[in-house]
Amino acid sequence: MRAYYLECLCAVIQELHSIPFKQLTKAKIKEMFAVLKDVESAHIDVDWLRALLNEISEALELVNQRQTFEAKKTKYNQSLESVRKELESKMDELALKEKEAADAREQVAETKARLDEIELQCSELDKTISTIASITDKFQGKSLADEIL
């Protein structure tokens, strides 16, 4: 009976030797653990092989996790590219609006300068009109000869 279990143990070792890591499956590892359990029932110490199978099992799990993380990373890279393009578009919009605002400020400054110039001309005209009015007012309602006397 012990020879049968040793043959089973050798079969597990041969499988580990012949199957590439990428072709190992969880089911195959589980099957190997079951064989180890049977071999242990014959009081054969296989802790060394159990440790190796545990390590291989963890590595298989990490491969699965890696694939999951790589898929997530691909998704994030796509999102990253999308957001970069959105940011670039927003920056272009902002630059355009800043140019429009600068143009508007320039137009406001030009309009204000024209307004100031017109107000100055109006003020000068008011002074001229006031001066003319004061000159002409002294002749209003009076005889022109009154100034002679």
N, C-alpha and C. Protein backbone atom coordinates (compact mmCIF):
# COMPACT_ATOMS: atom_id res chain seq x y z
N MET A 1 0.82 -1.19 0.00
CA MET A 1 0.00 0.00 0.00
C MET A 1 0.87 1.26 0.00
N ARG A 2 1.93 1.22 0.78
CA ARG A 2 2.84 2.36 0.85
C ARG A 2 3.43 2.64 -0.53
N ALA A 3 3.72 1.61 -1.29
CA ALA A 3 4.29 1.76 -2.63
C ALA A 3 3.30 2.50 -3.53
N TYR A 4 2.01 2.24 -3.37
CA TYR A 4 0.98 2.91 -4.17
C TYR A 4 1.01 4.42 -3.89
N TYR A 5 1.11 4.79 -2.61
CA TYR A 5 1.13 6.20 -2.25
C TYR A 5 2.41 6.89 -2.74
N LEU A 6 3.51 6.14 -2.70
CA LEU A 6 4.76 6.71 -3.23
C LEU A 6 4.65 6.93 -4.74
N GLU A 7 3.97 6.00 -5.43
CA GLU A 7 3.75 6.18 -6.87
C GLU A 7 2.88 7.42 -7.12
N CYS A 8 1.86 7.59 -6.29
CA CYS A 8 1.00 8.78 -6.42
C CYS A 8 1.82 10.05 -6.21
N LEU A 9 2.69 10.01 -5.21
CA LEU A 9 3.55 11.14 -4.92
C LEU A 9 4.47 11.43 -6.11
N CYS A 10 5.03 10.38 -6.68
CA CYS A 10 5.89 10.55 -7.86
C CYS A 10 5.10 11.12 -9.04
N ALA A 11 3.84 10.71 -9.18
CA ALA A 11 3.00 11.21 -10.27
C ALA A 11 2.78 12.72 -10.11
N VAL A 12 2.56 13.17 -8.88
CA VAL A 12 2.39 14.60 -8.62
C VAL A 12 3.66 15.35 -9.00
N ILE A 13 4.79 14.81 -8.58
CA ILE A 13 6.07 15.46 -8.87
C ILE A 13 6.32 15.50 -10.38
N GLN A 14 6.01 14.39 -11.07
CA GLN A 14 6.18 14.37 -12.53
C GLN A 14 5.28 15.39 -13.21
N GLU A 15 4.04 15.51 -12.73
CA GLU A 15 3.13 16.51 -13.31
C GLU A 15 3.68 17.92 -13.11
N LEU A 16 4.17 18.18 -11.91
CA LEU A 16 4.75 19.50 -11.65
C LEU A 16 5.95 19.76 -12.56
N HIS A 17 6.68 18.71 -12.84
CA HIS A 17 7.86 18.85 -13.68
C HIS A 17 7.47 19.05 -15.15
N SER A 18 6.40 18.43 -15.59
CA SER A 18 6.06 18.44 -17.02
C SER A 18 5.08 19.55 -17.43
N ILE A 19 4.27 20.04 -16.50
CA ILE A 19 3.27 21.06 -16.85
C ILE A 19 3.88 22.45 -16.67
N PRO A 20 3.88 23.26 -17.73
CA PRO A 20 4.35 24.65 -17.58
C PRO A 20 3.43 25.42 -16.62
N PHE A 21 4.00 26.37 -15.93
CA PHE A 21 3.24 27.14 -14.94
C PHE A 21 1.99 27.77 -15.54
N LYS A 22 2.12 28.30 -16.75
CA LYS A 22 0.98 28.99 -17.38
C LYS A 22 -0.17 28.05 -17.68
N GLN A 23 0.10 26.75 -17.73
CA GLN A 23 -0.95 25.78 -18.03
C GLN A 23 -1.56 25.17 -16.77
N LEU A 24 -0.98 25.49 -15.63
CA LEU A 24 -1.54 24.98 -14.37
C LEU A 24 -2.86 25.68 -14.07
N THR A 25 -3.80 24.91 -13.53
CA THR A 25 -5.09 25.49 -13.16
C THR A 25 -5.32 25.26 -11.67
N LYS A 26 -6.27 26.01 -11.14
CA LYS A 26 -6.62 25.82 -9.73
C LYS A 26 -7.13 24.40 -9.50
N ALA A 27 -7.89 23.90 -10.47
CA ALA A 27 -8.44 22.55 -10.34
C ALA A 27 -7.32 21.52 -10.27
N LYS A 28 -6.28 21.69 -11.09
CA LYS A 28 -5.15 20.75 -11.09
C LYS A 28 -4.43 20.80 -9.75
N ILE A 29 -4.21 22.00 -9.23
CA ILE A 29 -3.55 22.14 -7.93
C ILE A 29 -4.41 21.51 -6.83
N LYS A 30 -5.71 21.72 -6.91
CA LYS A 30 -6.62 21.14 -5.93
C LYS A 30 -6.54 19.61 -5.98
N GLU A 31 -6.44 19.08 -7.17
CA GLU A 31 -6.31 17.63 -7.36
C GLU A 31 -5.02 17.13 -6.71
N MET A 32 -3.94 17.89 -6.90
CA MET A 32 -2.64 17.51 -6.31
C MET A 32 -2.71 17.56 -4.78
N PHE A 33 -3.41 18.56 -4.23
CA PHE A 33 -3.58 18.63 -2.78
C PHE A 33 -4.35 17.41 -2.27
N ALA A 34 -5.33 16.96 -3.03
CA ALA A 34 -6.10 15.77 -2.65
C ALA A 34 -5.20 14.54 -2.61
N VAL A 35 -4.31 14.42 -3.58
CA VAL A 35 -3.37 13.29 -3.60
C VAL A 35 -2.47 13.37 -2.38
N LEU A 36 -2.00 14.58 -2.05
CA LEU A 36 -1.15 14.75 -0.86
C LEU A 36 -1.87 14.31 0.41
N LYS A 37 -3.14 14.65 0.48
CA LYS A 37 -3.93 14.27 1.65
C LYS A 37 -3.99 12.75 1.77
N ASP A 38 -4.18 12.08 0.64
CA ASP A 38 -4.20 10.61 0.64
C ASP A 38 -2.85 10.05 1.06
N VAL A 39 -1.78 10.65 0.54
CA VAL A 39 -0.42 10.18 0.87
C VAL A 39 -0.15 10.39 2.36
N GLU A 40 -0.61 11.53 2.90
CA GLU A 40 -0.42 11.80 4.33
C GLU A 40 -1.17 10.79 5.19
N SER A 41 -2.28 10.27 4.66
CA SER A 41 -3.04 9.27 5.43
C SER A 41 -2.23 8.00 5.63
N ALA A 42 -1.21 7.79 4.79
CA ALA A 42 -0.32 6.63 4.94
C ALA A 42 0.89 7.00 5.80
N HIS A 43 0.81 8.14 6.48
CA HIS A 43 1.87 8.63 7.38
C HIS A 43 3.19 8.88 6.66
N ILE A 44 3.08 9.40 5.45
CA ILE A 44 4.27 9.81 4.70
C ILE A 44 4.34 11.34 4.80
N ASP A 45 5.51 11.84 5.21
CA ASP A 45 5.68 13.29 5.40
C ASP A 45 5.85 13.98 4.04
N VAL A 46 4.87 14.80 3.70
CA VAL A 46 4.92 15.53 2.42
C VAL A 46 4.77 17.04 2.65
N ASP A 47 5.17 17.47 3.85
CA ASP A 47 5.08 18.91 4.16
C ASP A 47 5.87 19.74 3.16
N TRP A 48 7.00 19.25 2.74
CA TRP A 48 7.85 19.95 1.77
C TRP A 48 7.11 20.17 0.45
N LEU A 49 6.33 19.15 0.02
CA LEU A 49 5.59 19.28 -1.23
C LEU A 49 4.35 20.15 -1.04
N ARG A 50 3.74 20.04 0.14
CA ARG A 50 2.58 20.88 0.45
C ARG A 50 2.99 22.37 0.42
N ALA A 51 4.17 22.66 0.98
CA ALA A 51 4.66 24.04 0.98
C ALA A 51 4.85 24.53 -0.46
N LEU A 52 5.41 23.68 -1.32
CA LEU A 52 5.60 24.05 -2.72
C LEU A 52 4.26 24.26 -3.41
N LEU A 53 3.30 23.36 -3.18
CA LEU A 53 1.98 23.51 -3.79
C LEU A 53 1.27 24.77 -3.29
N ASN A 54 1.45 25.08 -2.00
CA ASN A 54 0.87 26.33 -1.46
C ASN A 54 1.46 27.54 -2.18
N GLU A 55 2.77 27.49 -2.37
CA GLU A 55 3.44 28.59 -3.05
C GLU A 55 2.95 28.72 -4.50
N ILE A 56 2.81 27.59 -5.18
CA ILE A 56 2.31 27.60 -6.56
C ILE A 56 0.87 28.10 -6.60
N SER A 57 0.06 27.66 -5.64
CA SER A 57 -1.34 28.09 -5.57
C SER A 57 -1.43 29.61 -5.37
N GLU A 58 -0.59 30.13 -4.48
CA GLU A 58 -0.56 31.59 -4.26
C GLU A 58 -0.11 32.31 -5.53
N ALA A 59 0.87 31.73 -6.22
CA ALA A 59 1.34 32.35 -7.46
C ALA A 59 0.24 32.37 -8.51
N LEU A 60 -0.55 31.28 -8.60
CA LEU A 60 -1.67 31.25 -9.54
C LEU A 60 -2.69 32.33 -9.19
N GLU A 61 -2.95 32.50 -7.90
CA GLU A 61 -3.88 33.54 -7.46
C GLU A 61 -3.35 34.92 -7.82
N LEU A 62 -2.05 35.10 -7.65
CA LEU A 62 -1.44 36.38 -8.01
C LEU A 62 -1.52 36.64 -9.51
N VAL A 63 -1.40 35.58 -10.31
CA VAL A 63 -1.55 35.74 -11.76
C VAL A 63 -2.95 36.24 -12.08
N ASN A 64 -3.95 35.66 -11.42
CA ASN A 64 -5.33 36.10 -11.64
C ASN A 64 -5.50 37.55 -11.19
N GLN A 65 -4.94 37.88 -10.04
CA GLN A 65 -5.03 39.25 -9.54
C GLN A 65 -4.33 40.21 -10.50
N ARG A 66 -3.19 39.77 -11.01
CA ARG A 66 -2.45 40.63 -11.94
C ARG A 66 -3.29 40.93 -13.17
N GLN A 67 -3.95 39.90 -13.69
CA GLN A 67 -4.80 40.10 -14.86
C GLN A 67 -5.92 41.09 -14.54
N THR A 68 -6.49 40.95 -13.35
CA THR A 68 -7.55 41.88 -12.93
C THR A 68 -6.99 43.30 -12.84
N PHE A 69 -5.82 43.42 -12.22
CA PHE A 69 -5.21 44.75 -12.08
C PHE A 69 -4.81 45.33 -13.43
N GLU A 70 -4.33 44.49 -14.33
CA GLU A 70 -3.96 44.99 -15.66
C GLU A 70 -5.20 45.48 -16.40
N ALA A 71 -6.32 44.76 -16.24
CA ALA A 71 -7.57 45.21 -16.87
C ALA A 71 -8.00 46.55 -16.29
N LYS A 72 -7.89 46.67 -14.95
CA LYS A 72 -8.23 47.95 -14.30
C LYS A 72 -7.31 49.06 -14.79
N LYS A 73 -6.02 48.72 -14.91
CA LYS A 73 -5.05 49.73 -15.34
C LYS A 73 -5.37 50.19 -16.76
N THR A 74 -5.74 49.26 -17.62
CA THR A 74 -6.12 49.62 -18.98
C THR A 74 -7.31 50.56 -18.96
N LYS A 75 -8.28 50.24 -18.11
CA LYS A 75 -9.47 51.09 -17.99
C LYS A 75 -9.08 52.49 -17.48
N TYR A 76 -8.21 52.52 -16.47
CA TYR A 76 -7.76 53.81 -15.93
C TYR A 76 -6.97 54.59 -16.98
N ASN A 77 -6.14 53.89 -17.75
CA ASN A 77 -5.38 54.57 -18.80
C ASN A 77 -6.31 55.20 -19.83
N GLN A 78 -7.39 54.48 -20.16
CA GLN A 78 -8.37 55.04 -21.09
C GLN A 78 -9.04 56.27 -20.48
N SER A 79 -9.41 56.16 -19.21
CA SER A 79 -10.02 57.30 -18.51
C SER A 79 -9.04 58.46 -18.45
N LEU A 80 -7.80 58.14 -18.16
CA LEU A 80 -6.76 59.16 -18.07
C LEU A 80 -6.63 59.91 -19.39
N GLU A 81 -6.60 59.17 -20.48
CA GLU A 81 -6.48 59.79 -21.80
C GLU A 81 -7.71 60.65 -22.10
N SER A 82 -8.87 60.14 -21.74
CA SER A 82 -10.11 60.87 -21.97
C SER A 82 -10.12 62.18 -21.18
N VAL A 83 -9.73 62.11 -19.92
CA VAL A 83 -9.71 63.30 -19.07
C VAL A 83 -8.64 64.28 -19.54
N ARG A 84 -7.51 63.77 -20.02
CA ARG A 84 -6.48 64.66 -20.56
C ARG A 84 -7.01 65.44 -21.76
N LYS A 85 -7.72 64.73 -22.65
CA LYS A 85 -8.29 65.40 -23.81
C LYS A 85 -9.33 66.43 -23.38
N GLU A 86 -10.13 66.06 -22.38
CA GLU A 86 -11.14 67.00 -21.86
C GLU A 86 -10.46 68.24 -21.28
N LEU A 87 -9.39 68.02 -20.51
CA LEU A 87 -8.65 69.14 -19.92
C LEU A 87 -8.07 70.03 -21.02
N GLU A 88 -7.50 69.41 -22.04
CA GLU A 88 -6.94 70.18 -23.15
C GLU A 88 -8.02 71.03 -23.82
N SER A 89 -9.19 70.43 -24.01
CA SER A 89 -10.31 71.16 -24.61
C SER A 89 -10.73 72.33 -23.72
N LYS A 90 -10.83 72.08 -22.41
CA LYS A 90 -11.21 73.14 -21.47
C LYS A 90 -10.16 74.25 -21.45
N MET A 91 -8.89 73.87 -21.53
CA MET A 91 -7.83 74.88 -21.55
C MET A 91 -7.93 75.73 -22.82
N ASP A 92 -8.24 75.09 -23.94
CA ASP A 92 -8.43 75.84 -25.19
C ASP A 92 -9.60 76.80 -25.06
N GLU A 93 -10.71 76.31 -24.47
CA GLU A 93 -11.88 77.16 -24.26
C GLU A 93 -11.53 78.34 -23.36
N LEU A 94 -10.78 78.04 -22.28
CA LEU A 94 -10.38 79.10 -21.35
C LEU A 94 -9.51 80.14 -22.06
N ALA A 95 -8.57 79.69 -22.86
CA ALA A 95 -7.70 80.63 -23.59
C ALA A 95 -8.54 81.51 -24.52
N LEU A 96 -9.52 80.91 -25.19
CA LEU A 96 -10.39 81.67 -26.08
C LEU A 96 -11.20 82.71 -25.29
N LYS A 97 -11.75 82.29 -24.14
CA LYS A 97 -12.54 83.21 -23.33
C LYS A 97 -11.67 84.32 -22.74
N GLU A 98 -10.43 83.97 -22.37
CA GLU A 98 -9.52 84.99 -21.86
C GLU A 98 -9.19 86.01 -22.96
N LYS A 99 -9.02 85.53 -24.20
CA LYS A 99 -8.77 86.45 -25.32
C LYS A 99 -10.00 87.32 -25.55
N GLU A 100 -11.19 86.70 -25.50
CA GLU A 100 -12.42 87.48 -25.66
C GLU A 100 -12.54 88.53 -24.56
N ALA A 101 -12.20 88.14 -23.32
CA ALA A 101 -12.27 89.08 -22.20
C ALA A 101 -11.26 90.21 -22.39
N ALA A 102 -10.06 89.88 -22.86
CA ALA A 102 -9.04 90.91 -23.10
C ALA A 102 -9.51 91.85 -24.21
N ASP A 103 -10.09 91.28 -25.26
CA ASP A 103 -10.63 92.12 -26.34
C ASP A 103 -11.74 93.03 -25.81
N ALA A 104 -12.62 92.47 -24.98
CA ALA A 104 -13.72 93.26 -24.41
C ALA A 104 -13.18 94.38 -23.52
N ARG A 105 -12.14 94.08 -22.71
CA ARG A 105 -11.53 95.12 -21.86
C ARG A 105 -10.93 96.23 -22.72
N GLU A 106 -10.31 95.82 -23.82
CA GLU A 106 -9.72 96.82 -24.73
C GLU A 106 -10.82 97.69 -25.34
N GLN A 107 -11.92 97.08 -25.74
CA GLN A 107 -13.04 97.84 -26.31
C GLN A 107 -13.64 98.77 -25.26
N VAL A 108 -13.76 98.29 -24.02
CA VAL A 108 -14.28 99.13 -22.93
C VAL A 108 -13.35 100.32 -22.72
N ALA A 109 -12.04 100.06 -22.71
CA ALA A 109 -11.07 101.16 -22.52
C ALA A 109 -11.18 102.17 -23.66
N GLU A 110 -11.30 101.69 -24.90
CA GLU A 110 -11.44 102.60 -26.04
C GLU A 110 -12.73 103.41 -25.94
N THR A 111 -13.82 102.74 -25.57
CA THR A 111 -15.11 103.43 -25.44
C THR A 111 -15.05 104.46 -24.32
N LYS A 112 -14.40 104.10 -23.21
CA LYS A 112 -14.27 105.04 -22.09
C LYS A 112 -13.44 106.24 -22.51
N ALA A 113 -12.38 106.00 -23.27
CA ALA A 113 -11.54 107.11 -23.75
C ALA A 113 -12.36 108.03 -24.66
N ARG A 114 -13.17 107.44 -25.55
CA ARG A 114 -14.03 108.26 -26.42
C ARG A 114 -15.03 109.05 -25.58
N LEU A 115 -15.61 108.38 -24.56
CA LEU A 115 -16.57 109.04 -23.68
C LEU A 115 -15.90 110.22 -22.96
N ASP A 116 -14.70 109.99 -22.42
CA ASP A 116 -13.97 111.07 -21.73
C ASP A 116 -13.71 112.24 -22.68
N GLU A 117 -13.34 111.91 -23.92
CA GLU A 117 -13.07 112.96 -24.91
C GLU A 117 -14.34 113.75 -25.23
N ILE A 118 -15.45 113.03 -25.39
CA ILE A 118 -16.72 113.71 -25.69
C ILE A 118 -17.17 114.55 -24.49
N GLU A 119 -17.00 114.00 -23.26
CA GLU A 119 -17.37 114.76 -22.06
C GLU A 119 -16.53 116.03 -21.96
N LEU A 120 -15.23 115.93 -22.29
CA LEU A 120 -14.35 117.10 -22.26
C LEU A 120 -14.82 118.14 -23.29
N GLN A 121 -15.16 117.68 -24.48
CA GLN A 121 -15.65 118.60 -25.51
C GLN A 121 -16.97 119.24 -25.08
N CYS A 122 -17.85 118.42 -24.43
CA CYS A 122 -19.12 118.97 -23.93
C CYS A 122 -18.86 120.03 -22.87
N SER A 123 -17.90 119.75 -21.98
CA SER A 123 -17.56 120.70 -20.93
C SER A 123 -17.03 122.00 -21.53
N GLU A 124 -16.17 121.87 -22.53
CA GLU A 124 -15.64 123.07 -23.20
C GLU A 124 -16.75 123.84 -23.90
N LEU A 125 -17.67 123.08 -24.53
CA LEU A 125 -18.81 123.74 -25.17
C LEU A 125 -19.69 124.43 -24.14
N ASP A 126 -19.90 123.78 -22.97
CA ASP A 126 -20.68 124.41 -21.89
C ASP A 126 -20.03 125.73 -21.47
N LYS A 127 -18.70 125.73 -21.32
CA LYS A 127 -17.99 126.96 -20.94
C LYS A 127 -18.16 128.03 -22.02
N THR A 128 -18.00 127.59 -23.26
CA THR A 128 -18.14 128.55 -24.37
C THR A 128 -19.55 129.11 -24.40
N ILE A 129 -20.55 128.23 -24.25
CA ILE A 129 -21.95 128.67 -24.24
C ILE A 129 -22.19 129.60 -23.07
N SER A 130 -21.64 129.27 -21.91
CA SER A 130 -21.81 130.11 -20.72
C SER A 130 -21.18 131.48 -20.93
N THR A 131 -20.00 131.48 -21.52
CA THR A 131 -19.32 132.75 -21.80
C THR A 131 -20.15 133.58 -22.78
N ILE A 132 -20.63 132.94 -23.83
CA ILE A 132 -21.45 133.64 -24.83
C ILE A 132 -22.72 134.15 -24.17
N ALA A 133 -23.34 133.31 -23.32
CA ALA A 133 -24.59 133.70 -22.65
C ALA A 133 -24.34 134.90 -21.76
N SER A 134 -23.24 134.91 -21.02
CA SER A 134 -22.98 136.04 -20.12
C SER A 134 -22.75 137.33 -20.92
N ILE A 135 -22.13 137.18 -22.09
CA ILE A 135 -21.90 138.36 -22.92
C ILE A 135 -23.23 138.84 -23.50
N THR A 136 -24.02 137.92 -23.97
CA THR A 136 -25.28 138.32 -24.61
C THR A 136 -26.33 138.69 -23.58
N ASP A 137 -26.26 138.15 -22.36
CA ASP A 137 -27.26 138.45 -21.33
C ASP A 137 -27.22 139.93 -20.92
N LYS A 138 -26.06 140.51 -20.95
CA LYS A 138 -25.99 141.90 -20.52
C LYS A 138 -26.69 142.82 -21.51
N PHE A 139 -26.93 142.31 -22.70
CA PHE A 139 -27.67 143.11 -23.68
C PHE A 139 -29.14 142.75 -23.74
N GLN A 140 -29.54 141.73 -23.06
CA GLN A 140 -30.93 141.30 -23.08
C GLN A 140 -31.79 142.26 -22.27
N GLY A 141 -32.92 142.64 -22.82
CA GLY A 141 -33.87 143.49 -22.13
C GLY A 141 -33.37 144.91 -21.89
N LYS A 142 -32.32 145.32 -22.48
CA LYS A 142 -31.78 146.67 -22.30
C LYS A 142 -31.65 147.31 -23.67
N SER A 143 -31.66 148.52 -23.62
CA SER A 143 -31.43 149.27 -24.84
C SER A 143 -29.94 149.24 -25.09
N LEU A 144 -29.59 149.14 -26.32
CA LEU A 144 -28.17 149.09 -26.65
C LEU A 144 -27.49 150.42 -26.33
N ALA A 145 -28.25 151.44 -26.27
CA ALA A 145 -27.69 152.76 -25.98
C ALA A 145 -27.38 152.89 -24.51
N ASP A 146 -27.99 152.07 -23.66
CA ASP A 146 -27.74 152.14 -22.22
C ASP A 146 -26.26 151.92 -21.91
N GLU A 147 -25.63 151.16 -22.69
CA GLU A 147 -24.22 150.87 -22.45
C GLU A 147 -23.37 152.11 -22.75
N ILE A 148 -23.89 152.97 -23.58
CA ILE A 148 -23.12 154.15 -23.95
C ILE A 148 -23.20 155.16 -22.79
N LEU A 149 -24.28 155.25 -22.22
CA LEU A 149 -24.48 156.26 -21.19
C LEU A 149 -23.90 155.82 -19.92
